[in-house]
Full PDB file with SEQRES, HELIX, SHEET, SSBOND, CRYST1, ORIGX, SCALE, CONECT and MASTER records, all heavy atoms in Angstrom:
SEQRES   1 A   35  SER ASP TRP VAL THR VAL ASP GLN ASP ARG ILE ASP ALA          
SEQRES   2 A   35  PHE ALA GLY ALA THR GLY ASP HIS GLN TRP ILE HIS VAL          
SEQRES   3 A   35  ASP PRO GLU ARG ALA ALA ALA GLY PRO                          
HELIX    1 AA1 GLN A    8  THR A   18  1                                  11    
HELIX    2 AA2 TRP A   23  VAL A   26  1                                   4    
HELIX    3 AA3 PRO A   28  ALA A   32  1                                   5    
CRYST1    1.000    1.000    1.000  90.00  90.00  90.00 P 1           1          
ORIGX1      1.000000  0.000000  0.000000        0.00000                         
ORIGX2      0.000000  1.000000  0.000000        0.00000                         
ORIGX3      0.000000  0.000000  1.000000        0.00000                         
SCALE1      1.000000  0.000000  0.000000        0.00000                         
SCALE2      0.000000  1.000000  0.000000        0.00000                         
SCALE3      0.000000  0.000000  1.000000        0.00000                         
ATOM      1  N   SER A   1      82.860  87.492 134.202  1.00  0.00           N  
ATOM      2  CA  SER A   1      81.742  87.225 133.283  1.00  0.00           C  
ATOM      3  C   SER A   1      80.436  87.781 133.822  1.00  0.00           C  
ATOM      4  O   SER A   1      80.345  88.219 134.972  1.00  0.00           O  
ATOM      5  CB  SER A   1      81.596  85.717 133.064  1.00  0.00           C  
ATOM      6  OG  SER A   1      81.038  85.111 134.218  1.00  0.00           O  
ATOM      7  N   ASP A   2      79.406  87.706 132.994  1.00  0.00           N  
ATOM      8  CA  ASP A   2      78.049  87.995 133.445  1.00  0.00           C  
ATOM      9  C   ASP A   2      77.559  86.835 134.310  1.00  0.00           C  
ATOM     10  O   ASP A   2      78.142  85.749 134.321  1.00  0.00           O  
ATOM     11  CB  ASP A   2      77.113  88.165 132.241  1.00  0.00           C  
ATOM     12  CG  ASP A   2      77.380  89.444 131.468  1.00  0.00           C  
ATOM     13  OD1 ASP A   2      77.916  90.409 132.050  1.00  0.00           O  
ATOM     14  OD2 ASP A   2      77.055  89.465 130.263  1.00  0.00           O  
ATOM     15  N   TRP A   3      76.457  87.071 135.000  1.00  0.00           N  
ATOM     16  CA  TRP A   3      75.837  86.044 135.840  1.00  0.00           C  
ATOM     17  C   TRP A   3      75.095  85.020 134.985  1.00  0.00           C  
ATOM     18  O   TRP A   3      74.510  85.364 133.963  1.00  0.00           O  
ATOM     19  CB  TRP A   3      74.853  86.674 136.821  1.00  0.00           C  
ATOM     20  CG  TRP A   3      75.502  87.567 137.833  1.00  0.00           C  
ATOM     21  CD1 TRP A   3      75.516  88.933 137.829  1.00  0.00           C  
ATOM     22  CD2 TRP A   3      76.233  87.165 138.994  1.00  0.00           C  
ATOM     23  NE1 TRP A   3      76.207  89.400 138.923  1.00  0.00           N  
ATOM     24  CE2 TRP A   3      76.656  88.337 139.659  1.00  0.00           C  
ATOM     25  CE3 TRP A   3      76.572  85.931 139.539  1.00  0.00           C  
ATOM     26  CZ2 TRP A   3      77.400  88.315 140.832  1.00  0.00           C  
ATOM     27  CZ3 TRP A   3      77.316  85.907 140.711  1.00  0.00           C  
ATOM     28  CH2 TRP A   3      77.721  87.079 141.346  1.00  0.00           C  
ATOM     29  N   VAL A   4      75.104  83.766 135.440  1.00  0.00           N  
ATOM     30  CA  VAL A   4      74.381  82.660 134.814  1.00  0.00           C  
ATOM     31  C   VAL A   4      73.572  81.973 135.907  1.00  0.00           C  
ATOM     32  O   VAL A   4      74.106  81.675 136.984  1.00  0.00           O  
ATOM     33  CB  VAL A   4      75.359  81.648 134.181  1.00  0.00           C  
ATOM     34  CG1 VAL A   4      74.629  80.415 133.703  1.00  0.00           C  
ATOM     35  CG2 VAL A   4      76.144  82.291 133.060  1.00  0.00           C  
ATOM     36  N   THR A   5      72.304  81.717 135.639  1.00  0.00           N  
ATOM     37  CA  THR A   5      71.449  81.038 136.609  1.00  0.00           C  
ATOM     38  C   THR A   5      71.550  79.530 136.433  1.00  0.00           C  
ATOM     39  O   THR A   5      71.466  79.020 135.315  1.00  0.00           O  
ATOM     40  CB  THR A   5      69.984  81.485 136.449  1.00  0.00           C  
ATOM     41  OG1 THR A   5      69.913  82.898 136.648  1.00  0.00           O  
ATOM     42  CG2 THR A   5      69.082  80.787 137.460  1.00  0.00           C  
ATOM     43  N   VAL A   6      71.732  78.840 137.544  1.00  0.00           N  
ATOM     44  CA  VAL A   6      71.763  77.379 137.542  1.00  0.00           C  
ATOM     45  C   VAL A   6      70.379  76.910 137.985  1.00  0.00           C  
ATOM     46  O   VAL A   6      70.083  76.877 139.175  1.00  0.00           O  
ATOM     47  CB  VAL A   6      72.867  76.834 138.467  1.00  0.00           C  
ATOM     48  CG1 VAL A   6      72.855  75.313 138.481  1.00  0.00           C  
ATOM     49  CG2 VAL A   6      74.231  77.357 138.038  1.00  0.00           C  
ATOM     50  N   ASP A   7      69.539  76.562 137.005  1.00  0.00           N  
ATOM     51  CA  ASP A   7      68.182  76.121 137.311  1.00  0.00           C  
ATOM     52  C   ASP A   7      68.109  74.589 137.284  1.00  0.00           C  
ATOM     53  O   ASP A   7      69.066  73.905 136.928  1.00  0.00           O  
ATOM     54  CB  ASP A   7      67.169  76.758 136.363  1.00  0.00           C  
ATOM     55  CG  ASP A   7      67.422  76.441 134.900  1.00  0.00           C  
ATOM     56  OD1 ASP A   7      68.162  75.487 134.584  1.00  0.00           O  
ATOM     57  OD2 ASP A   7      66.862  77.152 134.053  1.00  0.00           O  
ATOM     58  N   GLN A   8      66.958  74.069 137.673  1.00  0.00           N  
ATOM     59  CA  GLN A   8      66.800  72.611 137.745  1.00  0.00           C  
ATOM     60  C   GLN A   8      66.920  71.962 136.375  1.00  0.00           C  
ATOM     61  O   GLN A   8      67.436  70.848 136.263  1.00  0.00           O  
ATOM     62  CB  GLN A   8      65.480  72.236 138.412  1.00  0.00           C  
ATOM     63  CG  GLN A   8      65.381  70.761 138.784  1.00  0.00           C  
ATOM     64  CD  GLN A   8      66.436  70.341 139.800  1.00  0.00           C  
ATOM     65  OE1 GLN A   8      66.615  70.989 140.826  1.00  0.00           O  
ATOM     66  NE2 GLN A   8      67.155  69.251 139.521  1.00  0.00           N  
ATOM     67  N   ASP A   9      66.469  72.639 135.330  1.00  0.00           N  
ATOM     68  CA  ASP A   9      66.612  72.071 133.975  1.00  0.00           C  
ATOM     69  C   ASP A   9      68.073  71.840 133.624  1.00  0.00           C  
ATOM     70  O   ASP A   9      68.435  70.815 133.041  1.00  0.00           O  
ATOM     71  CB  ASP A   9      65.968  72.991 132.924  1.00  0.00           C  
ATOM     72  CG  ASP A   9      64.451  72.960 132.977  1.00  0.00           C  
ATOM     73  OD1 ASP A   9      63.877  72.020 133.572  1.00  0.00           O  
ATOM     74  OD2 ASP A   9      63.836  73.892 132.408  1.00  0.00           O  
ATOM     75  N   ARG A  10      68.947  72.794 133.966  1.00  0.00           N  
ATOM     76  CA  ARG A  10      70.382  72.647 133.683  1.00  0.00           C  
ATOM     77  C   ARG A  10      70.961  71.484 134.497  1.00  0.00           C  
ATOM     78  O   ARG A  10      71.746  70.684 133.993  1.00  0.00           O  
ATOM     79  CB  ARG A  10      71.121  73.944 133.995  1.00  0.00           C  
ATOM     80  CG  ARG A  10      72.592  73.934 133.594  1.00  0.00           C  
ATOM     81  CD  ARG A  10      73.302  75.219 134.008  1.00  0.00           C  
ATOM     82  NE  ARG A  10      72.786  76.392 133.349  1.00  0.00           N  
ATOM     83  CZ  ARG A  10      73.345  76.984 132.297  1.00  0.00           C  
ATOM     84  NH1 ARG A  10      74.452  76.488 131.777  1.00  0.00           N  
ATOM     85  NH2 ARG A  10      72.820  78.065 131.771  1.00  0.00           N  
ATOM     86  N   ILE A  11      70.565  71.396 135.759  1.00  0.00           N  
ATOM     87  CA  ILE A  11      71.051  70.311 136.625  1.00  0.00           C  
ATOM     88  C   ILE A  11      70.585  68.964 136.082  1.00  0.00           C  
ATOM     89  O   ILE A  11      71.375  68.016 135.987  1.00  0.00           O  
ATOM     90  CB  ILE A  11      70.577  70.535 138.076  1.00  0.00           C  
ATOM     91  CG1 ILE A  11      71.255  71.776 138.669  1.00  0.00           C  
ATOM     92  CG2 ILE A  11      70.856  69.295 138.931  1.00  0.00           C  
ATOM     93  CD1 ILE A  11      70.685  72.231 140.009  1.00  0.00           C  
ATOM     94  N   ASP A  12      69.305  68.867 135.709  1.00  0.00           N  
ATOM     95  CA  ASP A  12      68.769  67.610 135.172  1.00  0.00           C  
ATOM     96  C   ASP A  12      69.452  67.228 133.864  1.00  0.00           C  
ATOM     97  O   ASP A  12      69.740  66.049 133.628  1.00  0.00           O  
ATOM     98  CB  ASP A  12      67.262  67.712 134.966  1.00  0.00           C  
ATOM     99  CG  ASP A  12      66.480  67.799 136.278  1.00  0.00           C  
ATOM    100  OD1 ASP A  12      67.037  67.475 137.345  1.00  0.00           O  
ATOM    101  OD2 ASP A  12      65.302  68.210 136.214  1.00  0.00           O  
ATOM    102  N   ALA A  13      69.717  68.202 132.994  1.00  0.00           N  
ATOM    103  CA  ALA A  13      70.398  67.922 131.725  1.00  0.00           C  
ATOM    104  C   ALA A  13      71.805  67.397 131.982  1.00  0.00           C  
ATOM    105  O   ALA A  13      72.262  66.459 131.311  1.00  0.00           O  
ATOM    106  CB  ALA A  13      70.435  69.170 130.849  1.00  0.00           C  
ATOM    107  N   PHE A  14      72.494  67.978 132.966  1.00  0.00           N  
ATOM    108  CA  PHE A  14      73.833  67.510 133.294  1.00  0.00           C  
ATOM    109  C   PHE A  14      73.775  66.090 133.853  1.00  0.00           C  
ATOM    110  O   PHE A  14      74.596  65.242 133.499  1.00  0.00           O  
ATOM    111  CB  PHE A  14      74.509  68.457 134.295  1.00  0.00           C  
ATOM    112  CG  PHE A  14      75.969  68.168 134.492  1.00  0.00           C  
ATOM    113  CD1 PHE A  14      76.911  68.671 133.613  1.00  0.00           C  
ATOM    114  CD2 PHE A  14      76.395  67.388 135.549  1.00  0.00           C  
ATOM    115  CE1 PHE A  14      78.260  68.399 133.784  1.00  0.00           C  
ATOM    116  CE2 PHE A  14      77.736  67.102 135.735  1.00  0.00           C  
ATOM    117  CZ  PHE A  14      78.679  67.609 134.855  1.00  0.00           C  
ATOM    118  N   ALA A  15      72.788  65.819 134.706  1.00  0.00           N  
ATOM    119  CA  ALA A  15      72.616  64.465 135.247  1.00  0.00           C  
ATOM    120  C   ALA A  15      72.397  63.475 134.111  1.00  0.00           C  
ATOM    121  O   ALA A  15      72.974  62.375 134.107  1.00  0.00           O  
ATOM    122  CB  ALA A  15      71.443  64.428 136.225  1.00  0.00           C  
ATOM    123  N   GLY A  16      71.577  63.850 133.130  1.00  0.00           N  
ATOM    124  CA  GLY A  16      71.338  62.973 131.988  1.00  0.00           C  
ATOM    125  C   GLY A  16      72.580  62.737 131.159  1.00  0.00           C  
ATOM    126  O   GLY A  16      72.820  61.622 130.680  1.00  0.00           O  
ATOM    127  N   ALA A  17      73.388  63.775 130.990  1.00  0.00           N  
ATOM    128  CA  ALA A  17      74.600  63.650 130.181  1.00  0.00           C  
ATOM    129  C   ALA A  17      75.675  62.817 130.870  1.00  0.00           C  
ATOM    130  O   ALA A  17      76.469  62.147 130.208  1.00  0.00           O  
ATOM    131  CB  ALA A  17      75.157  65.032 129.848  1.00  0.00           C  
ATOM    132  N   THR A  18      75.696  62.841 132.205  1.00  0.00           N  
ATOM    133  CA  THR A  18      76.779  62.170 132.931  1.00  0.00           C  
ATOM    134  C   THR A  18      76.361  60.885 133.637  1.00  0.00           C  
ATOM    135  O   THR A  18      77.217  60.130 134.097  1.00  0.00           O  
ATOM    136  CB  THR A  18      77.361  63.111 134.000  1.00  0.00           C  
ATOM    137  OG1 THR A  18      76.331  63.440 134.947  1.00  0.00           O  
ATOM    138  CG2 THR A  18      77.927  64.377 133.375  1.00  0.00           C  
ATOM    139  N   GLY A  19      75.050  60.664 133.750  1.00  0.00           N  
ATOM    140  CA  GLY A  19      74.572  59.481 134.466  1.00  0.00           C  
ATOM    141  C   GLY A  19      74.578  59.641 135.970  1.00  0.00           C  
ATOM    142  O   GLY A  19      74.315  58.681 136.699  1.00  0.00           O  
ATOM    143  N   ASP A  20      74.875  60.839 136.479  1.00  0.00           N  
ATOM    144  CA  ASP A  20      74.895  61.086 137.921  1.00  0.00           C  
ATOM    145  C   ASP A  20      73.530  61.613 138.343  1.00  0.00           C  
ATOM    146  O   ASP A  20      73.258  62.812 138.286  1.00  0.00           O  
ATOM    147  CB  ASP A  20      75.991  62.087 138.270  1.00  0.00           C  
ATOM    148  CG  ASP A  20      76.095  62.364 139.774  1.00  0.00           C  
ATOM    149  OD1 ASP A  20      75.225  61.896 140.546  1.00  0.00           O  
ATOM    150  OD2 ASP A  20      77.042  63.054 140.178  1.00  0.00           O  
ATOM    151  N   HIS A  21      72.672  60.696 138.787  1.00  0.00           N  
ATOM    152  CA  HIS A  21      71.308  61.041 139.168  1.00  0.00           C  
ATOM    153  C   HIS A  21      71.110  61.007 140.687  1.00  0.00           C  
ATOM    154  O   HIS A  21      70.015  60.724 141.162  1.00  0.00           O  
ATOM    155  CB  HIS A  21      70.316  60.084 138.483  1.00  0.00           C  
ATOM    156  CG  HIS A  21      70.328  60.193 137.002  1.00  0.00           C  
ATOM    157  ND1 HIS A  21      69.662  61.175 136.314  1.00  0.00           N  
ATOM    158  CD2 HIS A  21      70.970  59.448 136.065  1.00  0.00           C  
ATOM    159  CE1 HIS A  21      69.871  61.032 135.023  1.00  0.00           C  
ATOM    160  NE2 HIS A  21      70.659  59.996 134.845  1.00  0.00           N  
ATOM    161  N   GLN A  22      72.159  61.312 141.438  1.00  0.00           N  
ATOM    162  CA  GLN A  22      72.044  61.315 142.894  1.00  0.00           C  
ATOM    163  C   GLN A  22      70.916  62.272 143.321  1.00  0.00           C  
ATOM    164  O   GLN A  22      70.762  63.365 142.769  1.00  0.00           O  
ATOM    165  CB  GLN A  22      73.380  61.730 143.536  1.00  0.00           C  
ATOM    166  CG  GLN A  22      73.353  61.596 145.022  1.00  0.00           C  
ATOM    167  CD  GLN A  22      74.681  61.939 145.683  1.00  0.00           C  
ATOM    168  OE1 GLN A  22      74.721  61.946 146.896  1.00  0.00           O  
ATOM    169  NE2 GLN A  22      75.735  62.226 144.971  1.00  0.00           N  
ATOM    170  N   TRP A  23      70.167  61.867 144.326  1.00  0.00           N  
ATOM    171  CA  TRP A  23      68.971  62.598 144.747  1.00  0.00           C  
ATOM    172  C   TRP A  23      69.245  64.041 145.141  1.00  0.00           C  
ATOM    173  O   TRP A  23      68.382  64.908 144.975  1.00  0.00           O  
ATOM    174  CB  TRP A  23      68.247  61.860 145.864  1.00  0.00           C  
ATOM    175  CG  TRP A  23      69.032  61.721 147.138  1.00  0.00           C  
ATOM    176  CD1 TRP A  23      69.875  60.702 147.480  1.00  0.00           C  
ATOM    177  CD2 TRP A  23      69.062  62.644 148.229  1.00  0.00           C  
ATOM    178  NE1 TRP A  23      70.424  60.940 148.709  1.00  0.00           N  
ATOM    179  CE2 TRP A  23      69.946  62.123 149.202  1.00  0.00           C  
ATOM    180  CE3 TRP A  23      68.436  63.860 148.491  1.00  0.00           C  
ATOM    181  CZ2 TRP A  23      70.215  62.763 150.396  1.00  0.00           C  
ATOM    182  CZ3 TRP A  23      68.703  64.510 149.687  1.00  0.00           C  
ATOM    183  CH2 TRP A  23      69.585  63.956 150.629  1.00  0.00           C  
ATOM    184  N   ILE A  24      70.427  64.349 145.658  1.00  0.00           N  
ATOM    185  CA  ILE A  24      70.706  65.737 146.053  1.00  0.00           C  
ATOM    186  C   ILE A  24      70.720  66.683 144.849  1.00  0.00           C  
ATOM    187  O   ILE A  24      70.604  67.894 145.013  1.00  0.00           O  
ATOM    188  CB  ILE A  24      72.014  65.882 146.854  1.00  0.00           C  
ATOM    189  CG1 ILE A  24      73.225  65.432 146.032  1.00  0.00           C  
ATOM    190  CG2 ILE A  24      71.920  65.151 148.171  1.00  0.00           C  
ATOM    191  CD1 ILE A  24      74.571  65.713 146.699  1.00  0.00           C  
ATOM    192  N   HIS A  25      70.811  66.089 143.645  1.00  0.00           N  
ATOM    193  CA  HIS A  25      70.805  66.888 142.425  1.00  0.00           C  
ATOM    194  C   HIS A  25      69.451  66.890 141.719  1.00  0.00           C  
ATOM    195  O   HIS A  25      69.046  67.926 141.184  1.00  0.00           O  
ATOM    196  CB  HIS A  25      71.859  66.371 141.442  1.00  0.00           C  
ATOM    197  CG  HIS A  25      73.239  66.290 141.992  1.00  0.00           C  
ATOM    198  ND1 HIS A  25      73.892  67.374 142.532  1.00  0.00           N  
ATOM    199  CD2 HIS A  25      74.099  65.242 142.089  1.00  0.00           C  
ATOM    200  CE1 HIS A  25      75.095  67.001 142.942  1.00  0.00           C  
ATOM    201  NE2 HIS A  25      75.246  65.713 142.692  1.00  0.00           N  
ATOM    202  N   VAL A  26      68.772  65.755 141.701  1.00  0.00           N  
ATOM    203  CA  VAL A  26      67.630  65.602 140.792  1.00  0.00           C  
ATOM    204  C   VAL A  26      66.272  65.360 141.463  1.00  0.00           C  
ATOM    205  O   VAL A  26      65.265  65.291 140.759  1.00  0.00           O  
ATOM    206  CB  VAL A  26      67.889  64.480 139.762  1.00  0.00           C  
ATOM    207  CG1 VAL A  26      69.117  64.813 138.914  1.00  0.00           C  
ATOM    208  CG2 VAL A  26      68.042  63.129 140.442  1.00  0.00           C  
ATOM    209  N   ASP A  27      66.229  65.263 142.773  1.00  0.00           N  
ATOM    210  CA  ASP A  27      64.954  65.010 143.457  1.00  0.00           C  
ATOM    211  C   ASP A  27      64.618  66.191 144.372  1.00  0.00           C  
ATOM    212  O   ASP A  27      64.973  66.199 145.562  1.00  0.00           O  
ATOM    213  CB  ASP A  27      65.064  63.713 144.266  1.00  0.00           C  
ATOM    214  CG  ASP A  27      63.750  63.265 144.877  1.00  0.00           C  
ATOM    215  OD1 ASP A  27      62.826  64.108 145.021  1.00  0.00           O  
ATOM    216  OD2 ASP A  27      63.640  62.072 145.231  1.00  0.00           O  
ATOM    217  N   PRO A  28      63.929  67.215 143.833  1.00  0.00           N  
ATOM    218  CA  PRO A  28      63.649  68.417 144.622  1.00  0.00           C  
ATOM    219  C   PRO A  28      62.901  68.152 145.934  1.00  0.00           C  
ATOM    220  O   PRO A  28      63.193  68.785 146.950  1.00  0.00           O  
ATOM    221  CB  PRO A  28      62.803  69.282 143.683  1.00  0.00           C  
ATOM    222  CG  PRO A  28      63.221  68.853 142.313  1.00  0.00           C  
ATOM    223  CD  PRO A  28      63.474  67.361 142.439  1.00  0.00           C  
ATOM    224  N   GLU A  29      61.980  67.208 145.921  1.00  0.00           N  
ATOM    225  CA  GLU A  29      61.205  66.926 147.132  1.00  0.00           C  
ATOM    226  C   GLU A  29      62.094  66.344 148.232  1.00  0.00           C  
ATOM    227  O   GLU A  29      62.088  66.811 149.376  1.00  0.00           O  
ATOM    228  CB  GLU A  29      60.064  65.965 146.803  1.00  0.00           C  
ATOM    229  CG  GLU A  29      59.113  65.753 147.964  1.00  0.00           C  
ATOM    230  CD  GLU A  29      57.930  64.890 147.559  1.00  0.00           C  
ATOM    231  OE1 GLU A  29      57.258  65.244 146.558  1.00  0.00           O  
ATOM    232  OE2 GLU A  29      57.699  63.874 148.229  1.00  0.00           O  
ATOM    233  N   ARG A  30      62.857  65.336 147.886  1.00  0.00           N  
ATOM    234  CA  ARG A  30      63.753  64.718 148.869  1.00  0.00           C  
ATOM    235  C   ARG A  30      64.854  65.694 149.293  1.00  0.00           C  
ATOM    236  O   ARG A  30      65.208  65.779 150.467  1.00  0.00           O  
ATOM    237  CB  ARG A  30      64.353  63.441 148.284  1.00  0.00           C  
ATOM    238  CG  ARG A  30      65.196  62.671 149.279  1.00  0.00           C  
ATOM    239  CD  ARG A  30      65.627  61.335 148.709  1.00  0.00           C  
ATOM    240  NE  ARG A  30      66.496  60.636 149.650  1.00  0.00           N  
ATOM    241  CZ  ARG A  30      67.241  59.599 149.343  1.00  0.00           C  
ATOM    242  NH1 ARG A  30      67.184  59.085 148.116  1.00  0.00           N  
ATOM    243  NH2 ARG A  30      68.008  59.027 150.238  1.00  0.00           N  
ATOM    244  N   ALA A  31      65.390  66.442 148.314  1.00  0.00           N  
ATOM    245  CA  ALA A  31      66.477  67.381 148.610  1.00  0.00           C  
ATOM    246  C   ALA A  31      66.019  68.512 149.531  1.00  0.00           C  
ATOM    247  O   ALA A  31      66.812  69.035 150.320  1.00  0.00           O  
ATOM    248  CB  ALA A  31      67.049  67.948 147.315  1.00  0.00           C  
ATOM    249  N   ALA A  32      64.741  68.889 149.450  1.00  0.00           N  
ATOM    250  CA  ALA A  32      64.221  69.947 150.325  1.00  0.00           C  
ATOM    251  C   ALA A  32      64.374  69.564 151.794  1.00  0.00           C  
ATOM    252  O   ALA A  32      64.560  70.437 152.656  1.00  0.00           O  
ATOM    253  CB  ALA A  32      62.763  70.230 149.995  1.00  0.00           C  
ATOM    254  N   ALA A  33      64.306  68.270 152.094  1.00  0.00           N  
ATOM    255  CA  ALA A  33      64.468  67.790 153.462  1.00  0.00           C  
ATOM    256  C   ALA A  33      65.911  67.384 153.764  1.00  0.00           C  
ATOM    257  O   ALA A  33      66.216  66.948 154.871  1.00  0.00           O  
ATOM    258  CB  ALA A  33      63.538  66.598 153.697  1.00  0.00           C  
ATOM    259  N   GLY A  34      66.779  67.528 152.786  1.00  0.00           N  
ATOM    260  CA  GLY A  34      68.177  67.118 152.942  1.00  0.00           C  
ATOM    261  C   GLY A  34      69.055  68.213 153.531  1.00  0.00           C  
ATOM    262  O   GLY A  34      68.569  69.261 153.972  1.00  0.00           O  
ATOM    263  N   PRO A  35      70.352  67.989 153.509  1.00  0.00           N  
ATOM    264  CA  PRO A  35      71.292  68.892 154.186  1.00  0.00           C  
ATOM    265  C   PRO A  35      71.402  70.283 153.576  1.00  0.00           C  
ATOM    266  O   PRO A  35      71.843  71.218 154.255  1.00  0.00           O  
ATOM    267  CB  PRO A  35      72.630  68.154 154.080  1.00  0.00           C  
ATOM    268  CG  PRO A  35      72.477  67.257 152.900  1.00  0.00           C  
ATOM    269  CD  PRO A  35      71.023  66.862 152.873  1.00  0.00           C  
TER     270      PRO A  35                                                      
MASTER        0    0    0    3    0    0    0    6  269    1    0    3          
END                                                                             
C-alpha cells in the first residue's frame, strides 16, 4: 500500500472509540519522558 501517517489526532480518536486512554498513547508531555 501507500504510506499512511499515524498522527496524534488518529491516536486520540482511536482512544476515544475504544476507551483506552493510557498515557503512553494520549499524553504527549508525559510520554516524552517515557520509554
